[in-house]
C-alpha atoms as a PDB file:
ATOM      1  CA  UNK A   1      -1.521  21.534  -3.516  1.00  0.00           C
ATOM      2  CA  UNK A   2      -2.197  22.060  -6.884  1.00  0.00           C
ATOM      3  CA  UNK A   3      -3.127  19.988  -9.629  1.00  0.00           C
ATOM      4  CA  UNK A   4      -0.495  18.936 -11.066  1.00  0.00           C
ATOM      5  CA  UNK A   5       1.624  18.416  -7.458  1.00  0.00           C
ATOM      6  CA  UNK A   6      -1.287  16.300  -6.489  1.00  0.00           C
ATOM      7  CA  UNK A   7      -1.130  14.049  -9.577  1.00  0.00           C
ATOM      8  CA  UNK A   8       3.156  13.770  -9.291  1.00  0.00           C
ATOM      9  CA  UNK A   9       2.751  13.006  -5.337  1.00  0.00           C
ATOM     10  CA  UNK A  10       0.196   9.863  -6.446  1.00  0.00           C
ATOM     11  CA  UNK A  11       2.215   9.010  -9.336  1.00  0.00           C
ATOM     12  CA  UNK A  12       5.652   8.736  -6.788  1.00  0.00           C
ATOM     13  CA  UNK A  13       3.447   6.614  -4.575  1.00  0.00           C
ATOM     14  CA  UNK A  14       2.435   4.177  -7.170  1.00  0.00           C
ATOM     15  CA  UNK A  15       6.528   3.912  -7.809  1.00  0.00           C
ATOM     16  CA  UNK A  16       7.042   6.402 -10.508  1.00  0.00           C
ATOM     17  CA  UNK A  17      10.609   8.052 -10.050  1.00  0.00           C
ATOM     18  CA  UNK A  18      10.918  11.867 -10.318  1.00  0.00           C
ATOM     19  CA  UNK A  19      11.905  11.730 -14.306  1.00  0.00           C
ATOM     20  CA  UNK A  20       9.447   9.130 -15.059  1.00  0.00           C
ATOM     21  CA  UNK A  21       6.551  11.207 -13.575  1.00  0.00           C
ATOM     22  CA  UNK A  22       7.732  14.277 -15.469  1.00  0.00           C
ATOM     23  CA  UNK A  23       7.652  12.690 -18.626  1.00  0.00           C
ATOM     24  CA  UNK A  24       4.262  11.110 -17.820  1.00  0.00           C
ATOM     25  CA  UNK A  25       2.588  14.419 -16.519  1.00  0.00           C
ATOM     26  CA  UNK A  26       4.065  16.367 -19.443  1.00  0.00           C
ATOM     27  CA  UNK A  27       2.568  13.685 -22.175  1.00  0.00           C
ATOM     28  CA  UNK A  28      -0.725  13.629 -20.274  1.00  0.00           C
ATOM     29  CA  UNK A  29      -0.692  17.591 -20.504  1.00  0.00           C
ATOM     30  CA  UNK A  30      -0.234  17.279 -24.556  1.00  0.00           C
ATOM     31  CA  UNK A  31      -2.007  14.384 -25.469  1.00  0.00           C
ATOM     32  CA  UNK A  32       0.157  13.291 -28.120  1.00  0.00           C
ATOM     33  CA  UNK A  33       3.572  14.615 -28.951  1.00  0.00           C
ATOM     34  CA  UNK A  34       6.881  13.525 -30.555  1.00  0.00           C
ATOM     35  CA  UNK A  35      10.193  13.057 -28.114  1.00  0.00           C
ATOM     36  CA  UNK A  36      11.579  16.527 -28.404  1.00  0.00           C
ATOM     37  CA  UNK A  37       8.544  18.270 -27.471  1.00  0.00           C
ATOM     38  CA  UNK A  38       7.697  15.863 -24.577  1.00  0.00           C
ATOM     39  CA  UNK A  39      11.578  16.303 -23.432  1.00  0.00           C
ATOM     40  CA  UNK A  40      11.379  20.300 -23.729  1.00  0.00           C
ATOM     41  CA  UNK A  41       7.968  19.982 -21.536  1.00  0.00           C
ATOM     42  CA  UNK A  42       9.263  17.709 -18.965  1.00  0.00           C
ATOM     43  CA  UNK A  43      12.690  19.862 -18.840  1.00  0.00           C
ATOM     44  CA  UNK A  44      14.809  16.877 -19.673  1.00  0.00           C
ATOM     45  CA  UNK A  45      17.505  15.632 -22.101  1.00  0.00           C
ATOM     46  CA  UNK A  46      15.753  14.155 -25.319  1.00  0.00           C
ATOM     47  CA  UNK A  47      17.908  10.903 -24.534  1.00  0.00           C
ATOM     48  CA  UNK A  48      16.527  10.669 -21.089  1.00  0.00           C
ATOM     49  CA  UNK A  49      13.186  11.374 -22.321  1.00  0.00           C
ATOM     50  CA  UNK A  50      13.398   8.706 -25.005  1.00  0.00           C
ATOM     51  CA  UNK A  51      14.577   5.957 -22.547  1.00  0.00           C
ATOM     52  CA  UNK A  52      11.823   6.789 -20.156  1.00  0.00           C
ATOM     53  CA  UNK A  53       9.053   6.689 -22.743  1.00  0.00           C
ATOM     54  CA  UNK A  54      10.058   3.155 -24.398  1.00  0.00           C
ATOM     55  CA  UNK A  55       9.992   2.134 -20.529  1.00  0.00           C
ATOM     56  CA  UNK A  56       6.488   3.541 -19.693  1.00  0.00           C
ATOM     57  CA  UNK A  57       5.267   1.727 -23.452  1.00  0.00           C
ATOM     58  CA  UNK A  58       6.710  -1.435 -22.511  1.00  0.00           C
ATOM     59  CA  UNK A  59       4.746  -1.258 -19.126  1.00  0.00           C
ATOM     60  CA  UNK A  60       1.588  -0.271 -21.215  1.00  0.00           C
ATOM     61  CA  UNK A  61       1.101   3.487 -20.063  1.00  0.00           C
ATOM     62  CA  UNK A  62       1.153   4.807 -22.893  1.00  0.00           C
ATOM     63  CA  UNK A  63       1.354   4.089 -26.836  1.00  0.00           C
ATOM     64  CA  UNK A  64       3.565   4.664 -29.667  1.00  0.00           C
ATOM     65  CA  UNK A  65       2.817   5.113 -33.606  1.00  0.00           C
ATOM     66  CA  UNK A  66       5.660   5.019 -35.711  1.00  0.00           C
ATOM     67  CA  UNK A  67       5.133   6.415 -39.423  1.00  0.00           C
ATOM     68  CA  UNK A  68       8.045   6.845 -42.221  1.00  0.00           C
ATOM     69  CA  UNK A  69      10.230   6.522 -39.346  1.00  0.00           C
ATOM     70  CA  UNK A  70       8.906   9.261 -37.130  1.00  0.00           C
ATOM     71  CA  UNK A  71       7.695   8.377 -33.586  1.00  0.00           C
ATOM     72  CA  UNK A  72       4.403  10.054 -31.686  1.00  0.00           C
ATOM     73  CA  UNK A  73       3.592   8.947 -28.385  1.00  0.00           C
ATOM     74  CA  UNK A  74       0.304   9.140 -26.724  1.00  0.00           C
ATOM     75  CA  UNK A  75      -1.242   8.909 -23.481  1.00  0.00           C
ATOM     76  CA  UNK A  76      -3.477   5.408 -22.635  1.00  0.00           C
ATOM     77  CA  UNK A  77      -6.473   5.995 -20.416  1.00  0.00           C
ATOM     78  CA  UNK A  78      -5.432   6.678 -16.838  1.00  0.00           C
ATOM     79  CA  UNK A  79      -7.485   3.742 -15.911  1.00  0.00           C
ATOM     80  CA  UNK A  80      -4.346   1.925 -17.072  1.00  0.00           C
ATOM     81  CA  UNK A  81      -2.584   3.140 -13.689  1.00  0.00           C
ATOM     82  CA  UNK A  82      -5.262   1.312 -11.443  1.00  0.00           C
ATOM     83  CA  UNK A  83      -5.010  -1.822 -13.832  1.00  0.00           C
ATOM     84  CA  UNK A  84      -1.015  -1.631 -13.988  1.00  0.00           C
ATOM     85  CA  UNK A  85      -0.906  -1.750 -10.179  1.00  0.00           C
ATOM     86  CA  UNK A  86      -3.602  -4.237  -9.669  1.00  0.00           C
ATOM     87  CA  UNK A  87      -1.991  -6.502 -12.393  1.00  0.00           C
ATOM     88  CA  UNK A  88       1.441  -6.500 -10.201  1.00  0.00           C
ATOM     89  CA  UNK A  89      -0.541  -7.402  -7.016  1.00  0.00           C
ATOM     90  CA  UNK A  90      -1.792 -10.020  -8.724  1.00  0.00           C
ATOM     91  CA  UNK A  91       1.365 -11.464  -9.993  1.00  0.00           C
ATOM     92  CA  UNK A  92       2.979 -10.876  -6.438  1.00  0.00           C
ATOM     93  CA  UNK A  93       0.164 -12.984  -5.312  1.00  0.00           C
ATOM     94  CA  UNK A  94       0.817 -15.578  -7.229  1.00  0.00           C
ATOM     95  CA  UNK A  95       4.677 -15.616  -6.766  1.00  0.00           C
ATOM     96  CA  UNK A  96       3.574 -15.851  -3.210  1.00  0.00           C
ATOM     97  CA  UNK A  97       1.643 -18.851  -3.378  1.00  0.00           C
ATOM     98  CA  UNK A  98       4.682 -20.567  -5.282  1.00  0.00           C
ATOM     99  CA  UNK A  99       7.263 -19.480  -2.814  1.00  0.00           C
ATOM    100  CA  UNK A 100       5.194 -20.357   0.182  1.00  0.00           C
ATOM    101  CA  UNK A 101       6.261 -23.938   0.628  1.00  0.00           C
ATOM    102  CA  UNK A 102       9.841 -22.962  -0.547  1.00  0.00           C
ATOM    103  CA  UNK A 103      10.466 -19.881   1.695  1.00  0.00           C
ATOM    104  CA  UNK A 104      12.465 -21.005   4.455  1.00  0.00           C
ATOM    105  CA  UNK A 105      11.452 -24.677   3.938  1.00  0.00           C
ATOM    106  CA  UNK A 106      15.105 -25.742   5.756  1.00  0.00           C
ATOM    107  CA  UNK A 107      14.611 -23.352   8.943  1.00  0.00           C
ATOM    108  CA  UNK A 108      12.018 -22.444  11.268  1.00  0.00           C
ATOM    109  CA  UNK A 109      13.499 -19.467  13.645  1.00  0.00           C
ATOM    110  CA  UNK A 110      12.218 -16.204  14.639  1.00  0.00           C
ATOM    111  CA  UNK A 111      13.527 -12.735  13.475  1.00  0.00           C
ATOM    112  CA  UNK A 112      12.431  -8.958  13.924  1.00  0.00           C
ATOM    113  CA  UNK A 113      12.473  -6.213  11.188  1.00  0.00           C
ATOM    114  CA  UNK A 114      12.301  -2.530  12.132  1.00  0.00           C
ATOM    115  CA  UNK A 115      10.871   0.162   9.645  1.00  0.00           C
ATOM    116  CA  UNK A 116      11.562   3.958  10.193  1.00  0.00           C
ATOM    117  CA  UNK A 117      11.026   5.457   7.015  1.00  0.00           C
ATOM    118  CA  UNK A 118       7.570   6.357   5.174  1.00  0.00           C
ATOM    119  CA  UNK A 119       8.790   4.635   1.953  1.00  0.00           C
ATOM    120  CA  UNK A 120       9.515   1.365   4.024  1.00  0.00           C
ATOM    121  CA  UNK A 121       6.516   1.357   6.130  1.00  0.00           C
ATOM    122  CA  UNK A 122       4.535   1.628   3.275  1.00  0.00           C
ATOM    123  CA  UNK A 123       6.098  -1.491   1.548  1.00  0.00           C
ATOM    124  CA  UNK A 124       6.067  -3.475   4.496  1.00  0.00           C
ATOM    125  CA  UNK A 125       2.158  -2.981   4.855  1.00  0.00           C
ATOM    126  CA  UNK A 126       1.741  -4.100   0.870  1.00  0.00           C
ATOM    127  CA  UNK A 127       4.134  -7.324   1.896  1.00  0.00           C
ATOM    128  CA  UNK A 128       2.392  -8.177   5.066  1.00  0.00           C
ATOM    129  CA  UNK A 129      -1.349  -7.764   2.950  1.00  0.00           C
ATOM    130  CA  UNK A 130       0.176  -9.915  -0.347  1.00  0.00           C
ATOM    131  CA  UNK A 131       1.188 -12.366   1.798  1.00  0.00           C
ATOM    132  CA  UNK A 132      -1.468 -12.600   4.375  1.00  0.00           C
ATOM    133  CA  UNK A 133      -3.694 -15.870   3.981  1.00  0.00           C
ATOM    134  CA  UNK A 134      -6.563 -15.790   1.423  1.00  0.00           C
ATOM    135  CA  UNK A 135      -9.866 -15.475   3.233  1.00  0.00           C
ATOM    136  CA  UNK A 136      -7.815 -15.186   6.414  1.00  0.00           C
ATOM    137  CA  UNK A 137      -8.097 -12.949   9.635  1.00  0.00           C
ATOM    138  CA  UNK A 138      -6.251 -10.174  10.880  1.00  0.00           C
ATOM    139  CA  UNK A 139      -6.145  -8.979  14.676  1.00  0.00           C
ATOM    140  CA  UNK A 140      -5.840  -5.050  15.317  1.00  0.00           C
ATOM    141  CA  UNK A 141      -5.811  -2.612  17.988  1.00  0.00           C
ATOM    142  CA  UNK A 142      -6.164   0.798  16.985  1.00  0.00           C
ATOM    143  CA  UNK A 143      -6.868   4.318  18.359  1.00  0.00           C
ATOM    144  CA  UNK A 144      -8.842   6.218  15.567  1.00  0.00           C
ATOM    145  CA  UNK A 145      -7.916   9.741  16.391  1.00  0.00           C
ATOM    146  CA  UNK A 146      -4.455   8.963  16.649  1.00  0.00           C
ATOM    147  CA  UNK A 147      -4.285   9.342  12.907  1.00  0.00           C
ATOM    148  CA  UNK A 148      -1.086   6.604  12.694  1.00  0.00           C
ATOM    149  CA  UNK A 149      -2.020   5.665   8.952  1.00  0.00           C
ATOM    150  CA  UNK A 150      -2.664   9.100   7.756  1.00  0.00           C
ATOM    151  CA  UNK A 151       0.934  10.483   8.542  1.00  0.00           C
ATOM    152  CA  UNK A 152       2.083   7.662   6.663  1.00  0.00           C
ATOM    153  CA  UNK A 153      -0.397   6.764   3.493  1.00  0.00           C
ATOM    154  CA  UNK A 154      -2.483   9.307   1.666  1.00  0.00           C
ATOM    155  CA  UNK A 155      -6.201   8.976   1.543  1.00  0.00           C
ATOM    156  CA  UNK A 156      -6.195   7.323  -1.811  1.00  0.00           C
ATOM    157  CA  UNK A 157      -3.558   5.196  -1.259  1.00  0.00           C
ATOM    158  CA  UNK A 158      -4.923   3.815   2.314  1.00  0.00           C
ATOM    159  CA  UNK A 159      -8.239   3.064   0.133  1.00  0.00           C
ATOM    160  CA  UNK A 160      -5.875   0.751  -2.133  1.00  0.00           C
ATOM    161  CA  UNK A 161      -4.609  -1.255   0.593  1.00  0.00           C
ATOM    162  CA  UNK A 162      -8.202  -1.735   1.668  1.00  0.00           C
ATOM    163  CA  UNK A 163      -9.470  -3.146  -1.676  1.00  0.00           C
ATOM    164  CA  UNK A 164      -6.301  -5.024  -1.868  1.00  0.00           C
ATOM    165  CA  UNK A 165      -7.694  -6.819   2.131  1.00  0.00           C
ATOM    166  CA  UNK A 166     -11.307  -6.995   0.465  1.00  0.00           C
ATOM    167  CA  UNK A 167      -9.771  -8.818  -2.738  1.00  0.00           C
ATOM    168  CA  UNK A 168      -8.217 -11.153  -0.731  1.00  0.00           C
ATOM    169  CA  UNK A 169     -11.089 -11.958   1.232  1.00  0.00           C
ATOM    170  CA  UNK A 170      -9.440 -11.017   4.589  1.00  0.00           C
ATOM    171  CA  UNK A 171     -11.849 -10.195   7.482  1.00  0.00           C
ATOM    172  CA  UNK A 172     -10.037  -7.968  10.438  1.00  0.00           C
ATOM    173  CA  UNK A 173     -11.447  -8.124  13.867  1.00  0.00           C
ATOM    174  CA  UNK A 174     -10.238  -4.704  15.508  1.00  0.00           C
ATOM    175  CA  UNK A 175     -10.538  -3.484  19.081  1.00  0.00           C
ATOM    176  CA  UNK A 176     -10.627   0.220  19.425  1.00  0.00           C
ATOM    177  CA  UNK A 177     -10.714   2.677  21.955  1.00  0.00           C
ATOM    178  CA  UNK A 178     -13.612   3.249  24.491  1.00  0.00           C
ATOM    179  CA  UNK A 179     -16.284   5.715  22.372  1.00  0.00           C
ATOM    180  CA  UNK A 180     -14.209   6.244  19.721  1.00  0.00           C
ATOM    181  CA  UNK A 181     -16.211   4.190  16.658  1.00  0.00           C
ATOM    182  CA  UNK A 182     -18.457   7.488  16.267  1.00  0.00           C
ATOM    183  CA  UNK A 183     -15.140   9.096  14.801  1.00  0.00           C
ATOM    184  CA  UNK A 184     -14.325   6.564  12.110  1.00  0.00           C
ATOM    185  CA  UNK A 185     -15.155   7.898   8.613  1.00  0.00           C
ATOM    186  CA  UNK A 186     -17.672   5.462   7.402  1.00  0.00           C
ATOM    187  CA  UNK A 187     -16.322   4.726   4.277  1.00  0.00           C
ATOM    188  CA  UNK A 188     -13.247   2.885   5.931  1.00  0.00           C
ATOM    189  CA  UNK A 189     -15.919   0.451   7.217  1.00  0.00           C
ATOM    190  CA  UNK A 190     -17.567  -0.191   4.167  1.00  0.00           C
ATOM    191  CA  UNK A 191     -14.536  -0.864   1.874  1.00  0.00           C
ATOM    192  CA  UNK A 192     -13.347  -4.075   3.790  1.00  0.00           C
ATOM    193  CA  UNK A 193     -14.742  -6.766   6.343  1.00  0.00           C
ATOM    194  CA  UNK A 194     -14.140  -5.669   9.496  1.00  0.00           C
ATOM    195  CA  UNK A 195     -15.811  -5.809  12.990  1.00  0.00           C
ATOM    196  CA  UNK A 196     -15.261  -3.746  15.637  1.00  0.00           C
ATOM    197  CA  UNK A 197     -15.266  -3.589  19.583  1.00  0.00           C
ATOM    198  CA  UNK A 198     -14.687  -1.093  21.842  1.00  0.00           C
ATOM    199  CA  UNK A 199     -12.433  -1.782  24.724  1.00  0.00           C
ATOM    200  CA  UNK A 200     -13.289  -0.517  28.126  1.00  0.00           C
ATOM    201  CA  UNK A 201     -12.758   2.754  29.578  1.00  0.00           C
ATOM    202  CA  UNK A 202      -9.385   2.955  30.758  1.00  0.00           C
ATOM    203  CA  UNK A 203      -7.260   1.268  28.110  1.00  0.00           C
ATOM    204  CA  UNK A 204      -5.294   3.980  26.581  1.00  0.00           C
ATOM    205  CA  UNK A 205      -3.807   2.745  23.109  1.00  0.00           C
ATOM    206  CA  UNK A 206      -2.095   5.663  20.555  1.00  0.00           C
ATOM    207  CA  UNK A 207      -0.122   3.045  18.588  1.00  0.00           C
ATOM    208  CA  UNK A 208      -1.590   0.229  16.287  1.00  0.00           C
ATOM    209  CA  UNK A 209      -1.358  -3.397  16.851  1.00  0.00           C
ATOM    210  CA  UNK A 210      -1.709  -6.278  14.338  1.00  0.00           C
ATOM    211  CA  UNK A 211      -1.191 -10.066  14.493  1.00  0.00           C
ATOM    212  CA  UNK A 212      -1.098 -11.105  10.772  1.00  0.00           C
ATOM    213  CA  UNK A 213      -0.375 -15.072  11.027  1.00  0.00           C
ATOM    214  CA  UNK A 214       2.647 -15.784  13.068  1.00  0.00           C
ATOM    215  CA  UNK A 215       3.823 -11.987  12.778  1.00  0.00           C
ATOM    216  CA  UNK A 216       2.911  -9.536  15.860  1.00  0.00           C
ATOM    217  CA  UNK A 217       3.376  -5.850  14.332  1.00  0.00           C
ATOM    218  CA  UNK A 218       3.253  -2.610  16.206  1.00  0.00           C
ATOM    219  CA  UNK A 219       3.229   0.620  14.475  1.00  0.00           C
ATOM    220  CA  UNK A 220       3.122   4.216  15.323  1.00  0.00           C
ATOM    221  CA  UNK A 221       2.924   7.312  12.358  1.00  0.00           C
ATOM    222  CA  UNK A 222       4.739   9.592  15.085  1.00  0.00           C
ATOM    223  CA  UNK A 223       7.530   9.301  14.493  1.00  0.00           C
ATOM    224  CA  UNK A 224       7.354   6.792  11.751  1.00  0.00           C
ATOM    225  CA  UNK A 225       8.134   3.475  13.209  1.00  0.00           C
ATOM    226  CA  UNK A 226       7.229  -0.068  12.692  1.00  0.00           C
ATOM    227  CA  UNK A 227       8.666  -3.298  14.554  1.00  0.00           C
ATOM    228  CA  UNK A 228       7.852  -6.956  13.076  1.00  0.00           C
ATOM    229  CA  UNK A 229       8.397  -9.822  15.109  1.00  0.00           C
ATOM    230  CA  UNK A 230       8.048 -13.248  13.506  1.00  0.00           C
ATOM    231  CA  UNK A 231       7.719 -15.410  16.601  1.00  0.00           C
ATOM    232  CA  UNK A 232       5.031 -17.863  17.119  1.00  0.00           C
ATOM    233  CA  UNK A 233       5.499 -18.098  21.013  1.00  0.00           C
ATOM    234  CA  UNK A 234       5.128 -14.600  21.358  1.00  0.00           C
ATOM    235  CA  UNK A 235       2.360 -14.148  18.774  1.00  0.00           C
ATOM    236  CA  UNK A 236       0.166 -16.904  20.355  1.00  0.00           C
ATOM    237  CA  UNK A 237       0.957 -15.067  23.589  1.00  0.00           C
ATOM    238  CA  UNK A 238      -0.099 -11.550  22.602  1.00  0.00           C
ATOM    239  CA  UNK A 239      -3.418 -13.198  20.651  1.00  0.00           C
ATOM    240  CA  UNK A 240      -4.329 -14.704  24.171  1.00  0.00           C
ATOM    241  CA  UNK A 241      -4.030 -11.417  25.211  1.00  0.00           C
ATOM    242  CA  UNK A 242      -6.376  -9.943  22.309  1.00  0.00           C
ATOM    243  CA  UNK A 243      -8.614 -12.165  22.858  1.00  0.00           C
ATOM    244  CA  UNK A 244      -9.495 -11.733  26.425  1.00  0.00           C
ATOM    245  CA  UNK A 245      -9.761  -8.102  25.538  1.00  0.00           C
ATOM    246  CA  UNK A 246     -11.801  -9.306  22.704  1.00  0.00           C
ATOM    247  CA  UNK A 247     -14.552 -11.044  25.012  1.00  0.00           C
ATOM    248  CA  UNK A 248     -14.554  -7.990  27.361  1.00  0.00           C
ATOM    249  CA  UNK A 249     -15.231  -5.380  25.271  1.00  0.00           C
ATOM    250  CA  UNK A 250     -18.979  -4.438  23.439  1.00  0.00           C
END
């Protein structure tokens, strides 16, 4: 994958649509330019490019200098992409705290949701991390060699999720299949607060299993599929099984 394709792929993962990606990449290459040159470089109509440039400027990705009725656009530091994404996370975090007491305040009933597209699964993973309790705990069962996450998330995006967990002080207790600890990338461990135990021989587990508060999640990257069950009794029952396995694992 060449550099432009790699950059475009990452921008799309951060929520840029196709035209926004084309304009941002074009201006990155040009450094500073007027709308006509940017539109030509991005292969878009000038009116479309101007609309996108105004949107990117409002989101602080680019800047505009106006002089004698002429507008020139230039790119801000690429670090602004990370800051903008983290700022959205912080805003969603604050909103989640504000809405926590209101959410289903007049009803307490179980529900289940299914996600079977890569985009839907990525959004779900972000949402469940954002809604997890600060300094809380997540329980998981994993097979490091199944590759469930890497079928859905790029390496950089996966590390962003780990950084979100660490930023919220979330601790993960993870059971992994026997003799698989040696296969885990050390950086995945170092970038989060995690405790690992290997399950006894004979437990063949190719899916991923999470318990986050009252939500039970079963996830497979092949084929992309997540089912999330919010049901206190079911979750408590599965947590009991997890705790038993935790005690007999090493």
